[in-house]
Structures are given as C-alpha cells and as structure tokens.
C-alpha cells in the first residue's frame, strides 16, 4: 500500500475513494435499483449549509440527501433540483429506506436528516431564553 508522499499524492488524492451501496426500490418498478454514494467533503458541506439555511421539511431534507448521494455506475450524480418535488411525492417508507443507507454510509448519526430539519425549524424561532422571567428575576 503506497504511503502518501509528494510523489504519490496526485495518484492517491485523484482516485475516487467514495463508498457506494445499491438499494432495491421495487416500489418504483420491477428491478429498480439505486446506487447511493458517500458524499465528498464539499458535497457534505453543501448539504448541511442548505439544511441550516432555513426551515426544511423532512421530505425536503431527504430529497436533498438523495440529490447529494444517488449516483450512476460511473459515480456521477443522477438527481438534480428539478427532481425535488417528485422525490417528495414518493412514499415516506421509500424515502426513509434510501435515506437510511445514505446516512449510514456517510457516517451521519441516526436521525441526522430529521435533526437537521428540526434544528432549522428551531433556529427560526428567534427566542433566546435570556429574557425569561425566572432568569431576569434571579439577577
């Protein structure tokens, strides 16, 4: 196994090292299979930035995750923003199953998609708690 060095870094860093896993989706047709891929660091940053940008429904968050992780045989992303509404219209069990694979192979904690949506909703409230009567009265 080569060790990363100035001489080997181009070959090592230039090669694709992203894990993939196939997911059967019989609900979408006989023999339909998706390939779910690990995200690159940049793709993960973009996914989380979008989730933190505002209130995001769980189906939106799952659709965004599929956009960032569903690839073809060459590793190229298959889905784009024009597919979000159609993905959100799919059954929740299908979205959950595909998202669970994406979460697992990307090392995200269980419930990460739902947590991202909840955190986005909580960030919208604007309540700080520092003006609560019990805190103010005790000072």
Protein backbone atom coordinates (compact mmCIF):
# COMPACT_ATOMS: atom_id res chain seq x y z
CA UNK A 1 0.00 0.00 0.00
CA UNK A 2 1.51 3.33 -1.01
CA UNK A 3 2.20 5.92 1.63
CA UNK A 4 1.07 9.46 0.93
CA UNK A 5 4.07 11.46 -0.22
CA UNK A 6 4.75 14.28 -2.65
CA UNK A 7 5.38 11.65 -5.33
CA UNK A 8 2.20 9.62 -4.69
CA UNK A 9 -0.29 12.29 -3.60
CA UNK A 10 -1.65 13.04 -7.09
CA UNK A 11 -2.48 9.38 -7.71
CA UNK A 12 -3.89 8.83 -4.22
CA UNK A 13 -5.92 12.04 -3.92
CA UNK A 14 -7.03 11.90 -7.57
CA UNK A 15 -8.65 8.48 -7.26
CA UNK A 16 -12.26 8.03 -6.20
CA UNK A 17 -12.48 6.57 -2.69
CA UNK A 18 -16.18 7.01 -2.06
CA UNK A 19 -18.12 4.00 -0.77
CA UNK A 20 -21.31 3.03 -2.56
CA UNK A 21 -24.21 0.71 -1.82
CA UNK A 22 -27.06 -0.49 -4.01
CA UNK A 23 -30.63 -0.11 -2.76
CA UNK A 24 -33.50 -2.01 -4.35
CA UNK A 25 -36.59 0.16 -4.85
CA UNK A 26 -39.32 -2.21 -6.08
CA UNK A 27 -41.95 0.49 -5.39
CA UNK A 28 -40.52 2.41 -8.36
CA UNK A 29 -40.73 -0.52 -10.76
CA UNK A 30 -39.65 -4.10 -11.25
CA UNK A 31 -35.88 -4.37 -10.75
CA UNK A 32 -35.27 -0.67 -9.99
CA UNK A 33 -32.06 -0.21 -8.03
CA UNK A 34 -30.33 2.97 -6.89
CA UNK A 35 -26.66 3.40 -6.14
CA UNK A 36 -26.15 5.50 -3.01
CA UNK A 37 -22.71 7.02 -2.58
CA UNK A 38 -20.71 8.51 0.21
CA UNK A 39 -20.52 12.30 -0.15
CA UNK A 40 -17.31 14.17 -0.73
CA UNK A 41 -16.40 16.72 1.92
CA UNK A 42 -17.61 19.55 -0.33
CA UNK A 43 -20.92 17.80 -1.06
CA UNK A 44 -21.47 17.25 2.67
CA UNK A 45 -20.72 20.93 3.36
CA UNK A 46 -23.26 21.98 0.71
CA UNK A 47 -25.89 19.57 2.07
CA UNK A 48 -25.55 20.85 5.65
CA UNK A 49 -25.42 24.51 4.53
CA UNK A 50 -28.71 24.04 2.70
CA UNK A 51 -30.29 22.41 5.76
CA UNK A 52 -29.13 25.24 8.03
CA UNK A 53 -30.34 27.96 5.64
CA UNK A 54 -33.93 27.80 6.86
CA UNK A 55 -36.93 25.72 7.84
CA UNK A 56 -36.71 22.44 5.93
CA UNK A 57 -39.39 19.75 5.91
CA UNK A 58 -38.21 16.18 6.45
CA UNK A 59 -39.17 15.19 2.89
CA UNK A 60 -37.18 18.19 1.57
CA UNK A 61 -34.18 17.19 3.67
CA UNK A 62 -34.44 13.60 2.45
CA UNK A 63 -34.74 14.77 -1.16
CA UNK A 64 -31.65 16.97 -0.69
CA UNK A 65 -29.79 13.98 0.72
CA UNK A 66 -30.75 11.86 -2.29
CA UNK A 67 -29.62 14.63 -4.64
CA UNK A 68 -26.22 14.55 -2.95
CA UNK A 69 -25.83 10.77 -2.83
CA UNK A 70 -27.65 8.94 -5.65
CA UNK A 71 -25.18 8.21 -8.45
CA UNK A 72 -24.92 6.16 -11.63
CA UNK A 73 -22.41 3.40 -12.39
CA UNK A 74 -19.68 5.98 -13.09
CA UNK A 75 -20.23 7.82 -9.80
CA UNK A 76 -21.92 10.83 -11.42
CA UNK A 77 -24.88 12.33 -9.55
CA UNK A 78 -28.20 11.35 -11.12
CA UNK A 79 -30.71 13.69 -9.46
CA UNK A 80 -30.92 17.49 -9.50
CA UNK A 81 -33.07 20.29 -8.10
CA UNK A 82 -35.75 19.68 -10.73
CA UNK A 83 -36.37 16.25 -9.12
CA UNK A 84 -37.06 17.50 -5.58
CA UNK A 85 -40.86 17.79 -5.85
CA UNK A 86 -41.13 14.36 -7.48
CA UNK A 87 -38.95 12.84 -4.74
CA UNK A 88 -41.05 14.48 -2.02
CA UNK A 89 -44.16 12.96 -3.60
CA UNK A 90 -42.75 9.43 -3.16
CA UNK A 91 -43.78 7.21 -0.28
CA UNK A 92 -42.21 8.05 3.04
CA UNK A 93 -41.12 4.43 3.57
CA UNK A 94 -39.09 4.55 0.34
CA UNK A 95 -37.53 7.90 1.23
CA UNK A 96 -36.72 6.59 4.71
CA UNK A 97 -35.10 3.41 3.37
CA UNK A 98 -32.87 5.21 0.85
CA UNK A 99 -32.02 7.99 3.32
CA UNK A 100 -31.06 5.44 5.98
CA UNK A 101 -28.48 3.95 3.61
CA UNK A 102 -27.15 7.42 2.73
CA UNK A 103 -26.93 8.35 6.43
CA UNK A 104 -25.16 5.11 7.32
CA UNK A 105 -22.51 5.13 4.59
CA UNK A 106 -21.83 8.82 5.19
CA UNK A 107 -21.23 8.28 8.90
CA UNK A 108 -24.06 10.58 9.85
CA UNK A 109 -25.76 9.80 13.13
CA UNK A 110 -29.14 8.10 13.07
CA UNK A 111 -31.86 10.70 12.63
CA UNK A 112 -29.43 13.24 11.11
CA UNK A 113 -31.88 14.19 8.35
CA UNK A 114 -34.71 14.74 10.82
CA UNK A 115 -32.39 16.55 13.26
CA UNK A 116 -31.26 18.91 10.50
CA UNK A 117 -34.88 19.73 9.75
CA UNK A 118 -35.72 20.23 13.45
CA UNK A 119 -32.65 22.39 14.03
CA UNK A 120 -33.60 24.55 11.07
CA UNK A 121 -37.10 24.97 12.49
CA UNK A 122 -35.74 25.82 15.94
CA UNK A 123 -33.33 28.38 14.50
CA UNK A 124 -36.29 30.28 13.05
CA UNK A 125 -37.94 31.00 16.42
CA UNK A 126 -35.68 33.85 17.46
CA UNK A 127 -36.43 33.24 21.15
CA UNK A 128 -33.29 33.43 23.24
CA UNK A 129 -34.47 32.41 26.68
CA UNK A 130 -32.26 35.11 28.20
CA UNK A 131 -35.26 37.35 28.67
CA UNK A 132 -37.20 34.78 30.67
CA UNK A 133 -38.74 36.00 33.91
CA UNK A 134 -37.01 33.43 36.07
CA UNK A 135 -33.55 34.33 34.73
CA UNK A 136 -34.15 38.08 34.91
CA UNK A 137 -35.65 37.91 38.39
CA UNK A 138 -32.71 35.96 39.81
CA UNK A 139 -30.16 38.58 38.77
